Amino acid sequence: MTDVTLTFRLDSALKEAFIALADEQDLSAAQVLRRMMREAVEEYQEGAAHERWLRREIEDAMHEARPRGASMSNEAVEAEWRHDRDRMARGHDA
């Protein structure tokens, strides 16, 4: 792992409050920032994984709920109806 330096600007009051927060936990500000960054990345990755899972579940449910013949041509559906109608006319259950 290569260490890098991240530099950014922030309000001095926020910096002092953050350093005090870190001191209360007996940690350096850098340690708290690294922990917060790891947690943010993990939370994002978990959310993205859940979103992918949810999309797959919805797509599977939509596929299963598709009415019979939804992907059939109009002619094929009409032929199937004629077949069913003829069977019923002969006294057989459809």
N, C-alpha and C. Protein backbone atom coordinates (compact mmCIF):
# COMPACT_ATOMS: atom_id res chain seq x y z
N MET A 1 0.85 -1.18 0.00
CA MET A 1 0.00 0.00 0.00
C MET A 1 0.89 1.24 0.00
N THR A 2 0.61 2.15 -0.88
CA THR A 2 1.36 3.38 -0.95
C THR A 2 0.64 4.45 -0.14
N ASP A 3 1.37 5.12 0.72
CA ASP A 3 0.78 6.21 1.48
C ASP A 3 0.82 7.48 0.65
N VAL A 4 -0.24 8.23 0.71
CA VAL A 4 -0.32 9.50 0.01
C VAL A 4 -0.82 10.55 0.99
N THR A 5 -0.62 11.80 0.64
CA THR A 5 -1.07 12.91 1.47
C THR A 5 -2.27 13.55 0.80
N LEU A 6 -3.29 13.79 1.58
CA LEU A 6 -4.50 14.45 1.09
C LEU A 6 -4.55 15.83 1.75
N THR A 7 -4.56 16.86 0.93
CA THR A 7 -4.57 18.23 1.44
C THR A 7 -5.88 18.89 1.02
N PHE A 8 -6.52 19.55 1.98
CA PHE A 8 -7.75 20.27 1.66
C PHE A 8 -7.93 21.41 2.66
N ARG A 9 -8.77 22.35 2.29
CA ARG A 9 -9.02 23.52 3.14
C ARG A 9 -10.30 23.29 3.94
N LEU A 10 -10.29 23.83 5.15
CA LEU A 10 -11.50 23.82 5.96
C LEU A 10 -11.47 24.99 6.91
N ASP A 11 -12.61 25.28 7.45
CA ASP A 11 -12.77 26.37 8.40
C ASP A 11 -11.97 26.07 9.67
N SER A 12 -11.29 27.07 10.20
CA SER A 12 -10.43 26.85 11.37
C SER A 12 -11.24 26.39 12.59
N ALA A 13 -12.46 26.89 12.75
CA ALA A 13 -13.29 26.45 13.88
C ALA A 13 -13.64 24.97 13.75
N LEU A 14 -13.91 24.53 12.53
CA LEU A 14 -14.21 23.12 12.30
C LEU A 14 -12.99 22.26 12.59
N LYS A 15 -11.83 22.74 12.17
CA LYS A 15 -10.58 22.00 12.42
C LYS A 15 -10.36 21.85 13.92
N GLU A 16 -10.51 22.92 14.67
CA GLU A 16 -10.29 22.86 16.12
C GLU A 16 -11.30 21.93 16.80
N ALA A 17 -12.54 21.98 16.36
CA ALA A 17 -13.57 21.10 16.93
C ALA A 17 -13.27 19.64 16.61
N PHE A 18 -12.80 19.40 15.39
CA PHE A 18 -12.48 18.03 14.99
C PHE A 18 -11.28 17.50 15.78
N ILE A 19 -10.27 18.31 15.96
CA ILE A 19 -9.10 17.90 16.73
C ILE A 19 -9.51 17.61 18.18
N ALA A 20 -10.39 18.42 18.74
CA ALA A 20 -10.88 18.17 20.10
C ALA A 20 -11.64 16.85 20.17
N LEU A 21 -12.44 16.58 19.15
CA LEU A 21 -13.19 15.32 19.10
C LEU A 21 -12.22 14.14 19.06
N ALA A 22 -11.20 14.24 18.25
CA ALA A 22 -10.20 13.18 18.14
C ALA A 22 -9.47 13.01 19.47
N ASP A 23 -9.10 14.12 20.10
CA ASP A 23 -8.40 14.06 21.39
C ASP A 23 -9.25 13.35 22.45
N GLU A 24 -10.54 13.61 22.45
CA GLU A 24 -11.43 12.96 23.42
C GLU A 24 -11.43 11.45 23.25
N GLN A 25 -11.15 10.98 22.05
CA GLN A 25 -11.11 9.54 21.76
C GLN A 25 -9.69 9.00 21.87
N ASP A 26 -8.76 9.85 22.28
CA ASP A 26 -7.35 9.50 22.39
C ASP A 26 -6.81 9.01 21.05
N LEU A 27 -7.22 9.71 19.99
CA LEU A 27 -6.77 9.40 18.63
C LEU A 27 -6.26 10.68 17.99
N SER A 28 -5.47 10.51 16.94
CA SER A 28 -5.07 11.68 16.16
C SER A 28 -6.19 12.00 15.17
N ALA A 29 -6.18 13.24 14.69
CA ALA A 29 -7.17 13.62 13.69
C ALA A 29 -7.02 12.75 12.45
N ALA A 30 -5.80 12.39 12.09
CA ALA A 30 -5.56 11.55 10.92
C ALA A 30 -6.18 10.16 11.12
N GLN A 31 -6.06 9.61 12.33
CA GLN A 31 -6.65 8.29 12.59
C GLN A 31 -8.17 8.34 12.44
N VAL A 32 -8.77 9.40 12.98
CA VAL A 32 -10.23 9.53 12.88
C VAL A 32 -10.64 9.70 11.42
N LEU A 33 -9.91 10.51 10.67
CA LEU A 33 -10.23 10.71 9.26
C LEU A 33 -10.11 9.40 8.48
N ARG A 34 -9.04 8.64 8.70
CA ARG A 34 -8.88 7.37 8.00
C ARG A 34 -10.03 6.42 8.32
N ARG A 35 -10.41 6.35 9.59
CA ARG A 35 -11.53 5.48 9.98
C ARG A 35 -12.82 5.93 9.30
N MET A 36 -13.08 7.24 9.30
CA MET A 36 -14.29 7.76 8.67
C MET A 36 -14.29 7.48 7.17
N MET A 37 -13.13 7.60 6.53
CA MET A 37 -13.04 7.34 5.10
C MET A 37 -13.29 5.87 4.80
N ARG A 38 -12.70 4.97 5.60
CA ARG A 38 -12.95 3.53 5.41
C ARG A 38 -14.43 3.20 5.56
N GLU A 39 -15.06 3.76 6.61
CA GLU A 39 -16.48 3.52 6.85
C GLU A 39 -17.34 4.06 5.70
N ALA A 40 -16.97 5.23 5.18
CA ALA A 40 -17.73 5.80 4.06
C ALA A 40 -17.64 4.92 2.82
N VAL A 41 -16.44 4.41 2.54
CA VAL A 41 -16.25 3.55 1.36
C VAL A 41 -17.02 2.24 1.56
N GLU A 42 -16.93 1.64 2.75
CA GLU A 42 -17.65 0.39 3.01
C GLU A 42 -19.16 0.58 2.89
N GLU A 43 -19.66 1.69 3.45
CA GLU A 43 -21.10 1.97 3.38
C GLU A 43 -21.55 2.13 1.93
N TYR A 44 -20.75 2.84 1.14
CA TYR A 44 -21.10 3.03 -0.27
C TYR A 44 -21.10 1.69 -1.00
N GLN A 45 -20.09 0.87 -0.77
CA GLN A 45 -20.00 -0.42 -1.45
C GLN A 45 -21.16 -1.33 -1.06
N GLU A 46 -21.53 -1.33 0.22
CA GLU A 46 -22.66 -2.14 0.66
C GLU A 46 -23.95 -1.65 0.02
N GLY A 47 -24.12 -0.33 -0.05
CA GLY A 47 -25.31 0.23 -0.68
C GLY A 47 -25.39 -0.12 -2.16
N ALA A 48 -24.25 -0.05 -2.83
CA ALA A 48 -24.21 -0.38 -4.26
C ALA A 48 -24.50 -1.86 -4.47
N ALA A 49 -23.97 -2.71 -3.60
CA ALA A 49 -24.23 -4.16 -3.71
C ALA A 49 -25.71 -4.43 -3.47
N HIS A 50 -26.30 -3.76 -2.50
CA HIS A 50 -27.73 -3.94 -2.24
C HIS A 50 -28.56 -3.48 -3.43
N GLU A 51 -28.17 -2.38 -4.02
CA GLU A 51 -28.89 -1.86 -5.19
C GLU A 51 -28.83 -2.86 -6.35
N ARG A 52 -27.66 -3.46 -6.58
CA ARG A 52 -27.54 -4.47 -7.65
C ARG A 52 -28.42 -5.68 -7.34
N TRP A 53 -28.40 -6.13 -6.08
CA TRP A 53 -29.24 -7.27 -5.67
C TRP A 53 -30.71 -6.93 -5.88
N LEU A 54 -31.13 -5.76 -5.45
CA LEU A 54 -32.54 -5.36 -5.56
C LEU A 54 -32.97 -5.30 -7.02
N ARG A 55 -32.13 -4.76 -7.89
CA ARG A 55 -32.46 -4.70 -9.32
C ARG A 55 -32.64 -6.10 -9.90
N ARG A 56 -31.74 -7.04 -9.51
CA ARG A 56 -31.86 -8.42 -10.01
C ARG A 56 -33.16 -9.05 -9.51
N GLU A 57 -33.50 -8.82 -8.24
CA GLU A 57 -34.73 -9.37 -7.69
C GLU A 57 -35.95 -8.83 -8.44
N ILE A 58 -35.96 -7.54 -8.70
CA ILE A 58 -37.08 -6.93 -9.42
C ILE A 58 -37.18 -7.46 -10.83
N GLU A 59 -36.04 -7.56 -11.51
CA GLU A 59 -36.05 -8.08 -12.88
C GLU A 59 -36.53 -9.53 -12.90
N ASP A 60 -36.08 -10.35 -11.94
CA ASP A 60 -36.54 -11.74 -11.88
C ASP A 60 -38.04 -11.81 -11.62
N ALA A 61 -38.52 -10.97 -10.70
CA ALA A 61 -39.96 -10.98 -10.39
C ALA A 61 -40.78 -10.52 -11.60
N MET A 62 -40.29 -9.52 -12.31
CA MET A 62 -41.00 -9.05 -13.50
C MET A 62 -41.02 -10.13 -14.57
N HIS A 63 -39.91 -10.85 -14.71
CA HIS A 63 -39.85 -11.93 -15.69
C HIS A 63 -40.84 -13.03 -15.32
N GLU A 64 -40.88 -13.40 -14.04
CA GLU A 64 -41.80 -14.46 -13.60
C GLU A 64 -43.25 -14.03 -13.69
N ALA A 65 -43.52 -12.73 -13.53
CA ALA A 65 -44.89 -12.23 -13.55
C ALA A 65 -45.40 -11.96 -14.96
N ARG A 66 -44.52 -12.06 -15.94
CA ARG A 66 -44.91 -11.79 -17.32
C ARG A 66 -46.02 -12.75 -17.72
N PRO A 67 -47.11 -12.23 -18.24
CA PRO A 67 -48.21 -13.11 -18.64
C PRO A 67 -47.78 -14.12 -19.70
N ARG A 68 -48.41 -15.29 -19.66
CA ARG A 68 -48.11 -16.31 -20.66
C ARG A 68 -48.35 -15.73 -22.05
N GLY A 69 -47.42 -15.91 -22.90
CA GLY A 69 -47.57 -15.42 -24.26
C GLY A 69 -47.12 -13.98 -24.45
N ALA A 70 -46.57 -13.37 -23.41
CA ALA A 70 -46.17 -11.96 -23.53
C ALA A 70 -45.12 -11.76 -24.61
N SER A 71 -44.31 -12.77 -24.85
CA SER A 71 -43.29 -12.61 -25.88
C SER A 71 -43.66 -13.34 -27.17
N MET A 72 -44.91 -13.81 -27.26
CA MET A 72 -45.36 -14.53 -28.46
C MET A 72 -45.92 -13.54 -29.46
N SER A 73 -45.86 -13.90 -30.71
CA SER A 73 -46.45 -13.05 -31.75
C SER A 73 -47.97 -13.10 -31.64
N ASN A 74 -48.62 -12.13 -32.24
CA ASN A 74 -50.08 -12.08 -32.22
C ASN A 74 -50.66 -13.34 -32.88
N GLU A 75 -50.04 -13.80 -33.97
CA GLU A 75 -50.53 -14.98 -34.66
C GLU A 75 -50.43 -16.22 -33.76
N ALA A 76 -49.33 -16.34 -33.03
CA ALA A 76 -49.16 -17.49 -32.14
C ALA A 76 -50.19 -17.47 -31.01
N VAL A 77 -50.48 -16.29 -30.48
CA VAL A 77 -51.48 -16.17 -29.41
C VAL A 77 -52.85 -16.56 -29.96
N GLU A 78 -53.20 -16.06 -31.16
CA GLU A 78 -54.49 -16.40 -31.75
C GLU A 78 -54.60 -17.90 -32.02
N ALA A 79 -53.53 -18.52 -32.48
CA ALA A 79 -53.54 -19.96 -32.73
C ALA A 79 -53.75 -20.73 -31.43
N GLU A 80 -53.11 -20.27 -30.36
CA GLU A 80 -53.27 -20.93 -29.06
C GLU A 80 -54.71 -20.78 -28.57
N TRP A 81 -55.30 -19.61 -28.76
CA TRP A 81 -56.69 -19.41 -28.36
C TRP A 81 -57.63 -20.32 -29.18
N ARG A 82 -57.38 -20.39 -30.48
CA ARG A 82 -58.22 -21.28 -31.31
C ARG A 82 -58.11 -22.72 -30.83
N HIS A 83 -56.91 -23.16 -30.53
CA HIS A 83 -56.69 -24.52 -30.04
C HIS A 83 -57.46 -24.74 -28.73
N ASP A 84 -57.34 -23.81 -27.79
CA ASP A 84 -58.06 -23.93 -26.52
C ASP A 84 -59.57 -23.91 -26.72
N ARG A 85 -60.04 -23.03 -27.61
CA ARG A 85 -61.47 -22.94 -27.86
C ARG A 85 -62.00 -24.25 -28.47
N ASP A 86 -61.23 -24.81 -29.41
CA ASP A 86 -61.64 -26.07 -30.04
C ASP A 86 -61.68 -27.21 -29.01
N ARG A 87 -60.70 -27.25 -28.13
CA ARG A 87 -60.69 -28.29 -27.08
C ARG A 87 -61.92 -28.16 -26.18
N MET A 88 -62.24 -26.92 -25.80
CA MET A 88 -63.42 -26.72 -24.94
C MET A 88 -64.70 -27.11 -25.67
N ALA A 89 -64.76 -26.82 -26.98
CA ALA A 89 -65.95 -27.16 -27.77
C ALA A 89 -66.13 -28.68 -27.84
N ARG A 90 -65.04 -29.43 -27.82
CA ARG A 90 -65.13 -30.90 -27.85
C ARG A 90 -65.39 -31.49 -26.47
N GLY A 91 -65.49 -30.60 -25.45
CA GLY A 91 -65.79 -31.11 -24.13
C GLY A 91 -64.58 -31.42 -23.27
N HIS A 92 -63.39 -31.03 -23.70
CA HIS A 92 -62.19 -31.26 -22.91
C HIS A 92 -61.88 -29.99 -22.13
N ASP A 93 -61.25 -30.18 -20.98
CA ASP A 93 -60.81 -29.00 -20.21
C ASP A 93 -59.64 -28.37 -20.92
N ALA A 94 -59.61 -27.05 -20.89
CA ALA A 94 -58.49 -26.32 -21.53
C ALA A 94 -57.31 -26.49 -20.76
